[in-house]
Amino acid sequence: MKGIQHIEVSNRKVRFKFDLYRNITIVRGDSGTGKTTLYNMIADYTRLGTASGVNIVSQKPCVALMDLDWQNQLMHLSDSIVFIDEGSNYITKKEFAEAIRHTDNYYVIFNREGLHELPYSVEEIYRIKTSGKFHSFEKLFKAGKGHIYSAKHSTKKFSCEYILTEDSNSGYEFYCHYFEGKNVHCETSRSNSAIFRWLNEHKADRVLVIADGAAFGSEMDRIMKLQASAPDQIRVCLPESFEWLILKSGIISKNQTASMLEEANILIDSAVYFSWENYFESVLIHITAGTPFHYQKKKINAVYLIKENSRKIMLEMIEALPEELRANE
């Protein structure tokens, strides 16, 4: 499945209207916020169709995944929007992630906890906003300038001792080179899930976290809680991905990259790319193959370390950097 999907679900009492932008959408919220109501309406329609009293407006079939036989049901679903209720224990399992990896469905998952086996975006985590009988989705986490996400803003001028990234390959090499000679240490946690542990082990240190927002959704709750408890010490910067920063920078011909970035919703096939992070990496490798800008994940091409190029790559998130690290930029 590709593209933005507009959905309307209603009965005589309530109406839900929302858009889905990527293959995995997470809907959060406490009891009584409408999650169960929406799921039950989809479930009723799945069992009874129009006899349920539920009306669905959607270009794609909307289906509720049932707990008892989810694997068999999933095998028979294609090009559909699949709704999954909170409390479905299988959604936390690796086997569920593997089962949906190459499907052409979109998934709407109601869940209060981070799902660490799924690579979903920080941009696709929502709560339900209610106005009378009308309900819509509202982003739970919103980016500030420089792709900064914060649960609580610092009251002091931010400075940092460490740049922490989950990337241990080309992205990490790039940041190490970029900040070389500046009064800051670059570290890698080697995975998204390890960032939380690293921060807990360095509670006295001031840290700028740089991670790929396209696949960081499962970590947001606990990272934002840490950031809220120490807003003067932790800043979180989440661009889509390192490869996205390169594509966005203009180093590669804009004629090649503009549509790939602006029309990502239309171009990204959920059956091919489990995460937009995978898409941007694939695109960058493809369009630079056989050129001086040839990109590989494991080791950074020296052309990206040239000062003029590295400045362009960093420009998209320059406002996330402490002032002392922006010097001469």
C-alpha atoms as a PDB file:
ATOM      1  CA  MET A   1       0.000   0.000   0.000  1.00  0.00           C
ATOM      2  CA  LYS A   2       1.106   3.527  -0.744  1.00  0.00           C
ATOM      3  CA  GLY A   3      -0.139   7.034  -0.074  1.00  0.00           C
ATOM      4  CA  ILE A   4      -2.100   8.911   2.556  1.00  0.00           C
ATOM      5  CA  GLN A   5      -5.251   7.063   3.560  1.00  0.00           C
ATOM      6  CA  HIS A   6      -8.248   9.104   4.721  1.00  0.00           C
ATOM      7  CA  ILE A   7     -10.623   7.222   7.026  1.00  0.00           C
ATOM      8  CA  GLU A   8     -14.051   8.067   8.434  1.00  0.00           C
ATOM      9  CA  VAL A   9     -15.794   5.717  10.860  1.00  0.00           C
ATOM     10  CA  SER A  10     -19.195   6.594  12.274  1.00  0.00           C
ATOM     11  CA  ASN A  11     -22.472   5.422  13.766  1.00  0.00           C
ATOM     12  CA  ARG A  12     -25.398   7.337  15.222  1.00  0.00           C
ATOM     13  CA  LYS A  13     -23.426   8.355  18.314  1.00  0.00           C
ATOM     14  CA  VAL A  14     -19.860   9.105  17.251  1.00  0.00           C
ATOM     15  CA  ARG A  15     -17.742   9.988  14.229  1.00  0.00           C
ATOM     16  CA  PHE A  16     -13.990   9.461  13.774  1.00  0.00           C
ATOM     17  CA  LYS A  17     -12.035  11.184  10.991  1.00  0.00           C
ATOM     18  CA  PHE A  18      -8.279  10.735  10.543  1.00  0.00           C
ATOM     19  CA  ASP A  19      -5.483  10.267   8.020  1.00  0.00           C
ATOM     20  CA  LEU A  20      -2.808   7.563   7.944  1.00  0.00           C
ATOM     21  CA  TYR A  21       0.556   8.564   6.496  1.00  0.00           C
ATOM     22  CA  ARG A  22       2.726   5.469   6.983  1.00  0.00           C
ATOM     23  CA  ASN A  23       2.381   1.726   7.332  1.00  0.00           C
ATOM     24  CA  ILE A  24       2.381   1.771  11.155  1.00  0.00           C
ATOM     25  CA  THR A  25       0.292   4.189  13.209  1.00  0.00           C
ATOM     26  CA  ILE A  26       0.214   4.037  17.005  1.00  0.00           C
ATOM     27  CA  VAL A  27      -2.777   5.427  18.922  1.00  0.00           C
ATOM     28  CA  ARG A  28      -2.199   6.126  22.602  1.00  0.00           C
ATOM     29  CA  GLY A  29      -4.285   7.401  25.473  1.00  0.00           C
ATOM     30  CA  ASP A  30      -5.848   6.496  28.792  1.00  0.00           C
ATOM     31  CA  SER A  31      -9.113   4.632  29.244  1.00  0.00           C
ATOM     32  CA  GLY A  32     -12.154   6.562  28.097  1.00  0.00           C
ATOM     33  CA  THR A  33     -10.392   8.474  25.327  1.00  0.00           C
ATOM     34  CA  GLY A  34     -12.098   6.622  22.472  1.00  0.00           C
ATOM     35  CA  LYS A  35      -9.591   3.949  21.489  1.00  0.00           C
ATOM     36  CA  THR A  36     -11.778   1.008  22.459  1.00  0.00           C
ATOM     37  CA  THR A  37     -14.838   2.631  20.903  1.00  0.00           C
ATOM     38  CA  LEU A  38     -13.085   3.011  17.547  1.00  0.00           C
ATOM     39  CA  TYR A  39     -11.678  -0.519  17.614  1.00  0.00           C
ATOM     40  CA  ASN A  40     -15.043  -2.019  18.553  1.00  0.00           C
ATOM     41  CA  MET A  41     -16.733  -0.173  15.697  1.00  0.00           C
ATOM     42  CA  ILE A  42     -14.201  -1.601  13.235  1.00  0.00           C
ATOM     43  CA  ALA A  43     -14.608  -5.060  14.814  1.00  0.00           C
ATOM     44  CA  ASP A  44     -18.403  -4.881  14.547  1.00  0.00           C
ATOM     45  CA  TYR A  45     -18.107  -3.897  10.908  1.00  0.00           C
ATOM     46  CA  THR A  46     -15.616  -6.727  10.290  1.00  0.00           C
ATOM     47  CA  ARG A  47     -18.121  -9.270  11.630  1.00  0.00           C
ATOM     48  CA  LEU A  48     -21.441  -7.812  10.449  1.00  0.00           C
ATOM     49  CA  GLY A  49     -20.745  -5.313   7.677  1.00  0.00           C
ATOM     50  CA  THR A  50     -23.362  -2.585   7.237  1.00  0.00           C
ATOM     51  CA  ALA A  51     -25.744  -4.529   9.501  1.00  0.00           C
ATOM     52  CA  SER A  52     -23.523  -3.392  12.394  1.00  0.00           C
ATOM     53  CA  GLY A  53     -24.808   0.159  12.081  1.00  0.00           C
ATOM     54  CA  VAL A  54     -21.264   1.334  11.424  1.00  0.00           C
ATOM     55  CA  ASN A  55     -20.416   3.321   8.319  1.00  0.00           C
ATOM     56  CA  ILE A  56     -16.828   3.379   7.006  1.00  0.00           C
ATOM     57  CA  VAL A  57     -15.505   5.735   4.356  1.00  0.00           C
ATOM     58  CA  SER A  58     -12.157   4.497   3.043  1.00  0.00           C
ATOM     59  CA  GLN A  59     -10.537   3.639  -0.271  1.00  0.00           C
ATOM     60  CA  LYS A  60      -9.134   0.496   1.347  1.00  0.00           C
ATOM     61  CA  PRO A  61     -10.888  -2.240   3.395  1.00  0.00           C
ATOM     62  CA  CYS A  62     -10.767  -1.583   7.144  1.00  0.00           C
ATOM     63  CA  VAL A  63     -10.492  -4.750   9.224  1.00  0.00           C
ATOM     64  CA  ALA A  64     -10.113  -5.537  12.927  1.00  0.00           C
ATOM     65  CA  LEU A  65      -7.527  -8.209  13.705  1.00  0.00           C
ATOM     66  CA  MET A  66      -8.923 -10.664  16.242  1.00  0.00           C
ATOM     67  CA  ASP A  67      -6.736 -12.134  18.994  1.00  0.00           C
ATOM     68  CA  LEU A  68      -7.643 -15.803  18.790  1.00  0.00           C
ATOM     69  CA  ASP A  69      -6.601 -16.469  15.211  1.00  0.00           C
ATOM     70  CA  TRP A  70      -4.561 -13.408  14.263  1.00  0.00           C
ATOM     71  CA  GLN A  71      -1.917 -15.285  12.262  1.00  0.00           C
ATOM     72  CA  ASN A  72      -4.403 -17.078  10.040  1.00  0.00           C
ATOM     73  CA  GLN A  73      -6.475 -13.924   9.597  1.00  0.00           C
ATOM     74  CA  LEU A  74      -3.389 -11.905   8.690  1.00  0.00           C
ATOM     75  CA  MET A  75      -2.387 -14.426   6.016  1.00  0.00           C
ATOM     76  CA  HIS A  76      -5.613 -13.642   4.172  1.00  0.00           C
ATOM     77  CA  LEU A  77      -5.389  -9.841   4.403  1.00  0.00           C
ATOM     78  CA  SER A  78      -3.938  -7.762   1.599  1.00  0.00           C
ATOM     79  CA  ASP A  79      -4.024  -4.071   0.714  1.00  0.00           C
ATOM     80  CA  SER A  80      -6.094  -3.424   3.835  1.00  0.00           C
ATOM     81  CA  ILE A  81      -6.025  -1.154   6.871  1.00  0.00           C
ATOM     82  CA  VAL A  82      -5.730  -3.418   9.894  1.00  0.00           C
ATOM     83  CA  PHE A  83      -6.785  -2.251  13.368  1.00  0.00           C
ATOM     84  CA  ILE A  84      -5.359  -3.988  16.442  1.00  0.00           C
ATOM     85  CA  ASP A  85      -6.702  -3.553  19.968  1.00  0.00           C
ATOM     86  CA  GLU A  86      -4.532  -2.788  22.985  1.00  0.00           C
ATOM     87  CA  GLY A  87      -3.998  -5.778  25.213  1.00  0.00           C
ATOM     88  CA  SER A  88      -3.205  -7.985  22.234  1.00  0.00           C
ATOM     89  CA  ASN A  89      -0.070  -9.569  23.643  1.00  0.00           C
ATOM     90  CA  TYR A  90       1.249 -10.783  20.305  1.00  0.00           C
ATOM     91  CA  ILE A  91       2.031  -7.230  19.115  1.00  0.00           C
ATOM     92  CA  THR A  92       5.060  -7.118  21.432  1.00  0.00           C
ATOM     93  CA  LYS A  93       6.542 -10.290  19.931  1.00  0.00           C
ATOM     94  CA  LYS A  94       9.210 -10.594  17.262  1.00  0.00           C
ATOM     95  CA  GLU A  95       7.035 -13.066  15.366  1.00  0.00           C
ATOM     96  CA  PHE A  96       4.376 -10.389  14.894  1.00  0.00           C
ATOM     97  CA  ALA A  97       6.935  -7.938  13.509  1.00  0.00           C
ATOM     98  CA  GLU A  98       8.159 -10.601  11.094  1.00  0.00           C
ATOM     99  CA  ALA A  99       4.588 -11.497  10.102  1.00  0.00           C
ATOM    100  CA  ILE A 100       3.737  -7.942   9.015  1.00  0.00           C
ATOM    101  CA  ARG A 101       7.164  -6.966   7.615  1.00  0.00           C
ATOM    102  CA  HIS A 102       6.471  -7.686   3.948  1.00  0.00           C
ATOM    103  CA  THR A 103       2.697  -7.240   3.885  1.00  0.00           C
ATOM    104  CA  ASP A 104       1.066  -4.505   1.818  1.00  0.00           C
ATOM    105  CA  ASN A 105      -1.279  -3.464   4.637  1.00  0.00           C
ATOM    106  CA  TYR A 106      -1.306  -0.393   6.882  1.00  0.00           C
ATOM    107  CA  TYR A 107      -1.599  -1.058  10.630  1.00  0.00           C
ATOM    108  CA  VAL A 108      -3.329   1.038  13.291  1.00  0.00           C
ATOM    109  CA  ILE A 109      -2.299  -0.238  16.712  1.00  0.00           C
ATOM    110  CA  PHE A 110      -3.921   0.901  19.953  1.00  0.00           C
ATOM    111  CA  ASN A 111      -1.303   0.559  22.650  1.00  0.00           C
ATOM    112  CA  ARG A 112       0.020   2.464  25.663  1.00  0.00           C
ATOM    113  CA  GLU A 113       3.544   1.030  25.780  1.00  0.00           C
ATOM    114  CA  GLY A 114       6.472   1.172  23.372  1.00  0.00           C
ATOM    115  CA  LEU A 115       6.549  -1.696  20.860  1.00  0.00           C
ATOM    116  CA  HIS A 116      10.263  -2.322  20.579  1.00  0.00           C
ATOM    117  CA  GLU A 117      10.084  -4.891  17.781  1.00  0.00           C
ATOM    118  CA  LEU A 118       8.404  -2.420  15.401  1.00  0.00           C
ATOM    119  CA  PRO A 119      10.233   0.403  13.567  1.00  0.00           C
ATOM    120  CA  TYR A 120       7.618   3.145  13.677  1.00  0.00           C
ATOM    121  CA  SER A 121       8.092   6.874  13.364  1.00  0.00           C
ATOM    122  CA  VAL A 122       7.940   9.463  16.148  1.00  0.00           C
ATOM    123  CA  GLU A 123       5.632  11.352  13.763  1.00  0.00           C
ATOM    124  CA  GLU A 124       3.034   8.575  13.721  1.00  0.00           C
ATOM    125  CA  ILE A 125       2.138   8.366  17.406  1.00  0.00           C
ATOM    126  CA  TYR A 126      -1.236   9.897  18.178  1.00  0.00           C
ATOM    127  CA  ARG A 127      -3.882  10.443  20.804  1.00  0.00           C
ATOM    128  CA  ILE A 128      -7.573  10.886  20.120  1.00  0.00           C
ATOM    129  CA  LYS A 129      -8.877  14.449  20.230  1.00  0.00           C
ATOM    130  CA  THR A 130     -12.576  14.781  21.035  1.00  0.00           C
ATOM    131  CA  SER A 131     -15.077  17.560  20.387  1.00  0.00           C
ATOM    132  CA  GLY A 132     -18.600  16.386  21.201  1.00  0.00           C
ATOM    133  CA  LYS A 133     -19.368  13.402  18.984  1.00  0.00           C
ATOM    134  CA  PHE A 134     -16.467  14.161  16.664  1.00  0.00           C
ATOM    135  CA  HIS A 135     -13.073  12.500  17.123  1.00  0.00           C
ATOM    136  CA  SER A 136      -9.756  12.935  15.320  1.00  0.00           C
ATOM    137  CA  PHE A 137      -6.095  11.991  15.705  1.00  0.00           C
ATOM    138  CA  GLU A 138      -3.617  14.456  17.193  1.00  0.00           C
ATOM    139  CA  LYS A 139       0.164  13.998  17.167  1.00  0.00           C
ATOM    140  CA  LEU A 140       1.526  13.115  20.582  1.00  0.00           C
ATOM    141  CA  PHE A 141       5.068  14.329  19.864  1.00  0.00           C
ATOM    142  CA  LYS A 142       5.774  17.451  17.832  1.00  0.00           C
ATOM    143  CA  ALA A 143       9.154  18.573  16.544  1.00  0.00           C
ATOM    144  CA  GLY A 144      10.585  21.998  17.175  1.00  0.00           C
ATOM    145  CA  LYS A 145      13.223  23.782  15.111  1.00  0.00           C
ATOM    146  CA  GLY A 146      16.176  21.595  14.256  1.00  0.00           C
ATOM    147  CA  HIS A 147      14.041  18.453  14.752  1.00  0.00           C
ATOM    148  CA  ILE A 148      14.190  18.901  18.528  1.00  0.00           C
ATOM    149  CA  TYR A 149      11.677  16.916  20.561  1.00  0.00           C
ATOM    150  CA  SER A 150      11.194  17.836  24.193  1.00  0.00           C
ATOM    151  CA  ALA A 151       8.775  17.004  26.980  1.00  0.00           C
ATOM    152  CA  LYS A 152      10.071  19.981  28.968  1.00  0.00           C
ATOM    153  CA  HIS A 153      12.064  22.957  27.746  1.00  0.00           C
ATOM    154  CA  SER A 154      15.314  23.925  29.396  1.00  0.00           C
ATOM    155  CA  THR A 155      15.388  27.157  31.379  1.00  0.00           C
ATOM    156  CA  LYS A 156      19.120  27.467  30.778  1.00  0.00           C
ATOM    157  CA  LYS A 157      21.375  27.862  27.791  1.00  0.00           C
ATOM    158  CA  PHE A 158      21.992  24.328  26.542  1.00  0.00           C
ATOM    159  CA  SER A 159      25.516  22.993  26.261  1.00  0.00           C
ATOM    160  CA  CYS A 160      26.698  19.406  25.946  1.00  0.00           C
ATOM    161  CA  GLU A 161      29.663  17.187  26.645  1.00  0.00           C
ATOM    162  CA  TYR A 162      28.499  14.265  24.508  1.00  0.00           C
ATOM    163  CA  ILE A 163      26.901  13.672  21.121  1.00  0.00           C
ATOM    164  CA  LEU A 164      25.130  10.311  21.343  1.00  0.00           C
ATOM    165  CA  THR A 165      23.832   8.444  18.305  1.00  0.00           C
ATOM    166  CA  GLU A 166      22.504   4.933  17.854  1.00  0.00           C
ATOM    167  CA  ASP A 167      24.292   4.709  14.497  1.00  0.00           C
ATOM    168  CA  SER A 168      27.600   2.853  14.748  1.00  0.00           C
ATOM    169  CA  ASN A 169      28.446   2.980  11.032  1.00  0.00           C
ATOM    170  CA  SER A 170      28.611   5.818   8.487  1.00  0.00           C
ATOM    171  CA  GLY A 171      26.481   8.224  10.505  1.00  0.00           C
ATOM    172  CA  TYR A 172      28.645   7.798  13.587  1.00  0.00           C
ATOM    173  CA  GLU A 173      31.809   8.270  11.518  1.00  0.00           C
ATOM    174  CA  PHE A 174      30.350  11.452  10.052  1.00  0.00           C
ATOM    175  CA  TYR A 175      29.522  12.975  13.449  1.00  0.00           C
ATOM    176  CA  CYS A 176      32.915  12.034  14.871  1.00  0.00           C
ATOM    177  CA  HIS A 177      34.612  13.823  11.992  1.00  0.00           C
ATOM    178  CA  TYR A 178      32.272  16.812  12.052  1.00  0.00           C
ATOM    179  CA  PHE A 179      32.786  17.488  15.765  1.00  0.00           C
ATOM    180  CA  GLU A 180      36.505  16.679  15.762  1.00  0.00           C
ATOM    181  CA  GLY A 181      38.472  19.415  17.498  1.00  0.00           C
ATOM    182  CA  LYS A 182      35.392  20.748  19.264  1.00  0.00           C
ATOM    183  CA  ASN A 183      34.941  20.332  22.975  1.00  0.00           C
ATOM    184  CA  VAL A 184      32.538  17.403  22.768  1.00  0.00           C
ATOM    185  CA  HIS A 185      32.799  13.592  22.722  1.00  0.00           C
ATOM    186  CA  CYS A 186      30.952  11.458  20.162  1.00  0.00           C
ATOM    187  CA  GLU A 187      29.549   8.157  21.390  1.00  0.00           C
ATOM    188  CA  THR A 188      27.386   5.427  19.894  1.00  0.00           C
ATOM    189  CA  SER A 189      24.872   3.316  21.781  1.00  0.00           C
ATOM    190  CA  ARG A 190      24.769   0.929  18.756  1.00  0.00           C
ATOM    191  CA  SER A 191      20.980   0.619  18.872  1.00  0.00           C
ATOM    192  CA  ASN A 192      17.843   2.668  19.567  1.00  0.00           C
ATOM    193  CA  SER A 193      16.948   0.631  22.633  1.00  0.00           C
ATOM    194  CA  ALA A 194      20.407   1.135  24.164  1.00  0.00           C
ATOM    195  CA  ILE A 195      20.125   4.945  24.177  1.00  0.00           C
ATOM    196  CA  PHE A 196      17.958   4.828  27.290  1.00  0.00           C
ATOM    197  CA  ARG A 197      20.483   2.670  29.133  1.00  0.00           C
ATOM    198  CA  TRP A 198      23.386   4.896  28.064  1.00  0.00           C
ATOM    199  CA  LEU A 199      21.618   8.032  29.321  1.00  0.00           C
ATOM    200  CA  ASN A 200      20.827   6.352  32.639  1.00  0.00           C
ATOM    201  CA  GLU A 201      24.484   5.493  33.037  1.00  0.00           C
ATOM    202  CA  HIS A 202      25.502   9.111  32.343  1.00  0.00           C
ATOM    203  CA  LYS A 203      22.989  11.031  34.422  1.00  0.00           C
ATOM    204  CA  ALA A 204      25.521  13.675  35.419  1.00  0.00           C
ATOM    205  CA  ASP A 205      26.494  14.435  31.806  1.00  0.00           C
ATOM    206  CA  ARG A 206      25.035  16.860  29.281  1.00  0.00           C
ATOM    207  CA  VAL A 207      24.039  14.999  26.115  1.00  0.00           C
ATOM    208  CA  LEU A 208      22.691  15.756  22.655  1.00  0.00           C
ATOM    209  CA  VAL A 209      20.959  12.631  21.334  1.00  0.00           C
ATOM    210  CA  ILE A 210      20.796  12.280  17.537  1.00  0.00           C
ATOM    211  CA  ALA A 211      18.739   9.355  16.253  1.00  0.00           C
ATOM    212  CA  ASP A 212      16.628   8.367  13.259  1.00  0.00           C
ATOM    213  CA  GLY A 213      13.097   9.624  13.922  1.00  0.00           C
ATOM    214  CA  ALA A 214      11.661   7.330  11.235  1.00  0.00           C
ATOM    215  CA  ALA A 215      12.228   4.306  13.495  1.00  0.00           C
ATOM    216  CA  PHE A 216      12.482   5.803  16.983  1.00  0.00           C
ATOM    217  CA  GLY A 217       8.808   5.752  18.004  1.00  0.00           C
ATOM    218  CA  SER A 218       9.074   2.843  20.432  1.00  0.00           C
ATOM    219  CA  GLU A 219      11.673   4.719  22.512  1.00  0.00           C
ATOM    220  CA  MET A 220       9.894   8.049  22.784  1.00  0.00           C
ATOM    221  CA  ASP A 221       8.014   7.554  26.060  1.00  0.00           C
ATOM    222  CA  ARG A 222      10.957   6.648  28.213  1.00  0.00           C
ATOM    223  CA  ILE A 223      13.365   9.048  26.490  1.00  0.00           C
ATOM    224  CA  MET A 224      10.918  11.934  26.904  1.00  0.00           C
ATOM    225  CA  LYS A 225      10.474  11.074  30.586  1.00  0.00           C
ATOM    226  CA  LEU A 226      14.232  11.226  31.035  1.00  0.00           C
ATOM    227  CA  GLN A 227      14.399  14.496  29.136  1.00  0.00           C
ATOM    228  CA  ALA A 228      11.600  15.983  31.249  1.00  0.00           C
ATOM    229  CA  SER A 229      13.481  15.039  34.414  1.00  0.00           C
ATOM    230  CA  ALA A 230      16.687  16.698  33.158  1.00  0.00           C
ATOM    231  CA  PRO A 231      15.808  19.298  30.478  1.00  0.00           C
ATOM    232  CA  ASP A 232      19.054  21.201  31.055  1.00  0.00           C
ATOM    233  CA  GLN A 233      21.117  18.071  30.413  1.00  0.00           C
ATOM    234  CA  ILE A 234      19.358  16.169  27.620  1.00  0.00           C
ATOM    235  CA  ARG A 235      18.382  17.414  24.175  1.00  0.00           C
ATOM    236  CA  VAL A 236      16.822  15.029  21.650  1.00  0.00           C
ATOM    237  CA  CYS A 237      17.205  15.611  17.905  1.00  0.00           C
ATOM    238  CA  LEU A 238      15.347  13.245  15.572  1.00  0.00           C
ATOM    239  CA  PRO A 239      15.607  13.886  11.832  1.00  0.00           C
ATOM    240  CA  GLU A 240      14.094  11.157   9.652  1.00  0.00           C
ATOM    241  CA  SER A 241      17.472   9.455   9.223  1.00  0.00           C
ATOM    242  CA  PHE A 242      21.098  10.185   8.402  1.00  0.00           C
ATOM    243  CA  GLU A 243      20.479   9.243   4.774  1.00  0.00           C
ATOM    244  CA  TRP A 244      17.520  11.629   4.699  1.00  0.00           C
ATOM    245  CA  LEU A 245      19.814  14.438   5.892  1.00  0.00           C
ATOM    246  CA  ILE A 246      22.157  13.762   2.970  1.00  0.00           C
ATOM    247  CA  LEU A 247      19.289  13.690   0.464  1.00  0.00           C
ATOM    248  CA  LYS A 248      17.849  16.869   1.963  1.00  0.00           C
ATOM    249  CA  SER A 249      21.177  18.708   1.904  1.00  0.00           C
ATOM    250  CA  GLY A 250      21.235  19.321  -1.844  1.00  0.00           C
ATOM    251  CA  ILE A 251      24.663  17.729  -2.254  1.00  0.00           C
ATOM    252  CA  ILE A 252      23.082  15.199  -4.592  1.00  0.00           C
ATOM    253  CA  SER A 253      21.259  16.792  -7.537  1.00  0.00           C
ATOM    254  CA  LYS A 254      17.948  18.268  -6.385  1.00  0.00           C
ATOM    255  CA  ASN A 255      16.423  17.175  -9.691  1.00  0.00           C
ATOM    256  CA  GLN A 256      16.955  13.591  -8.521  1.00  0.00           C
ATOM    257  CA  THR A 257      16.027  13.966  -4.852  1.00  0.00           C
ATOM    258  CA  ALA A 258      13.245  16.564  -4.650  1.00  0.00           C
ATOM    259  CA  SER A 259      10.349  14.313  -5.659  1.00  0.00           C
ATOM    260  CA  MET A 260      11.735  11.387  -3.659  1.00  0.00           C
ATOM    261  CA  LEU A 261      11.504  13.487  -0.507  1.00  0.00           C
ATOM    262  CA  GLU A 262       8.401  15.563  -1.186  1.00  0.00           C
ATOM    263  CA  GLU A 263       6.352  12.633  -2.475  1.00  0.00           C
ATOM    264  CA  ALA A 264       7.594   9.992  -0.039  1.00  0.00           C
ATOM    265  CA  ASN A 265       4.006   9.214   1.014  1.00  0.00           C
ATOM    266  CA  ILE A 266       3.136   8.349  -2.568  1.00  0.00           C
ATOM    267  CA  LEU A 267       6.325   6.478  -3.438  1.00  0.00           C
ATOM    268  CA  ILE A 268       6.960   4.307  -0.387  1.00  0.00           C
ATOM    269  CA  ASP A 269       5.421   0.848  -0.726  1.00  0.00           C
ATOM    270  CA  SER A 270       4.691  -0.728   2.669  1.00  0.00           C
ATOM    271  CA  ALA A 271       5.339  -4.204   1.255  1.00  0.00           C
ATOM    272  CA  VAL A 272       8.891  -3.214   0.317  1.00  0.00           C
ATOM    273  CA  TYR A 273       9.932  -0.799   3.057  1.00  0.00           C
ATOM    274  CA  PHE A 274       9.101  -1.663   6.664  1.00  0.00           C
ATOM    275  CA  SER A 275      10.289   1.797   7.703  1.00  0.00           C
ATOM    276  CA  TRP A 276      10.887   5.066   5.856  1.00  0.00           C
ATOM    277  CA  GLU A 277      14.428   4.808   7.185  1.00  0.00           C
ATOM    278  CA  ASN A 278      14.906   1.798   4.862  1.00  0.00           C
ATOM    279  CA  TYR A 279      13.503   3.783   1.929  1.00  0.00           C
ATOM    280  CA  PHE A 280      15.862   6.742   2.312  1.00  0.00           C
ATOM    281  CA  GLU A 281      18.858   4.423   2.633  1.00  0.00           C
ATOM    282  CA  SER A 282      17.830   2.490  -0.479  1.00  0.00           C
ATOM    283  CA  VAL A 283      17.255   5.659  -2.500  1.00  0.00           C
ATOM    284  CA  LEU A 284      20.602   7.179  -1.515  1.00  0.00           C
ATOM    285  CA  ILE A 285      22.522   4.000  -2.365  1.00  0.00           C
ATOM    286  CA  HIS A 286      20.731   3.710  -5.711  1.00  0.00           C
ATOM    287  CA  ILE A 287      21.118   7.265  -6.991  1.00  0.00           C
ATOM    288  CA  THR A 288      24.775   7.578  -5.937  1.00  0.00           C
ATOM    289  CA  ALA A 289      25.916   4.220  -7.323  1.00  0.00           C
ATOM    290  CA  GLY A 290      28.785   4.681  -9.767  1.00  0.00           C
ATOM    291  CA  THR A 291      29.291   8.331  -8.801  1.00  0.00           C
ATOM    292  CA  PRO A 292      31.846  10.085  -6.563  1.00  0.00           C
ATOM    293  CA  PHE A 293      29.076  10.265  -3.948  1.00  0.00           C
ATOM    294  CA  HIS A 294      28.633   6.488  -3.761  1.00  0.00           C
ATOM    295  CA  TYR A 295      27.038   5.785  -0.385  1.00  0.00           C
ATOM    296  CA  GLN A 296      27.383   2.689   1.750  1.00  0.00           C
ATOM    297  CA  LYS A 297      26.001   2.124   5.211  1.00  0.00           C
ATOM    298  CA  LYS A 298      29.047   0.499   6.760  1.00  0.00           C
ATOM    299  CA  LYS A 299      31.660   3.165   6.032  1.00  0.00           C
ATOM    300  CA  ILE A 300      31.298   6.836   5.205  1.00  0.00           C
ATOM    301  CA  ASN A 301      32.527   8.020   1.819  1.00  0.00           C
ATOM    302  CA  ALA A 302      35.169  10.717   2.363  1.00  0.00           C
ATOM    303  CA  VAL A 303      33.335  13.042  -0.023  1.00  0.00           C
ATOM    304  CA  TYR A 304      30.679  13.594   2.653  1.00  0.00           C
ATOM    305  CA  LEU A 305      33.384  14.692   5.106  1.00  0.00           C
ATOM    306  CA  ILE A 306      34.532  17.594   2.944  1.00  0.00           C
ATOM    307  CA  LYS A 307      33.801  20.695   4.988  1.00  0.00           C
ATOM    308  CA  GLU A 308      31.393  22.312   2.527  1.00  0.00           C
ATOM    309  CA  ASN A 309      29.402  19.081   2.178  1.00  0.00           C
ATOM    310  CA  SER A 310      29.304  18.267   5.890  1.00  0.00           C
ATOM    311  CA  ARG A 311      28.026  21.777   6.634  1.00  0.00           C
ATOM    312  CA  LYS A 312      25.169  21.285   4.186  1.00  0.00           C
ATOM    313  CA  ILE A 313      24.282  17.937   5.752  1.00  0.00           C
ATOM    314  CA  MET A 314      24.206  19.452   9.247  1.00  0.00           C
ATOM    315  CA  LEU A 315      22.239  22.538   8.205  1.00  0.00           C
ATOM    316  CA  GLU A 316      18.858  20.817   8.596  1.00  0.00           C
ATOM    317  CA  MET A 317      19.432  20.301  12.324  1.00  0.00           C
ATOM    318  CA  ILE A 318      21.897  23.095  13.070  1.00  0.00           C
ATOM    319  CA  GLU A 319      19.459  24.669  15.553  1.00  0.00           C
ATOM    320  CA  ALA A 320      19.675  21.554  17.702  1.00  0.00           C
ATOM    321  CA  LEU A 321      23.359  22.204  18.327  1.00  0.00           C
ATOM    322  CA  PRO A 322      24.544  24.231  21.328  1.00  0.00           C
ATOM    323  CA  GLU A 323      25.755  27.676  20.302  1.00  0.00           C
ATOM    324  CA  GLU A 324      29.395  26.799  20.952  1.00  0.00           C
ATOM    325  CA  LEU A 325      29.149  23.945  18.419  1.00  0.00           C
ATOM    326  CA  ARG A 326      27.624  26.210  15.769  1.00  0.00           C
ATOM    327  CA  ALA A 327      30.670  28.447  15.729  1.00  0.00           C
ATOM    328  CA  ASN A 328      32.005  29.154  12.245  1.00  0.00           C
ATOM    329  CA  GLU A 329      29.088  27.310  10.618  1.00  0.00           C
END
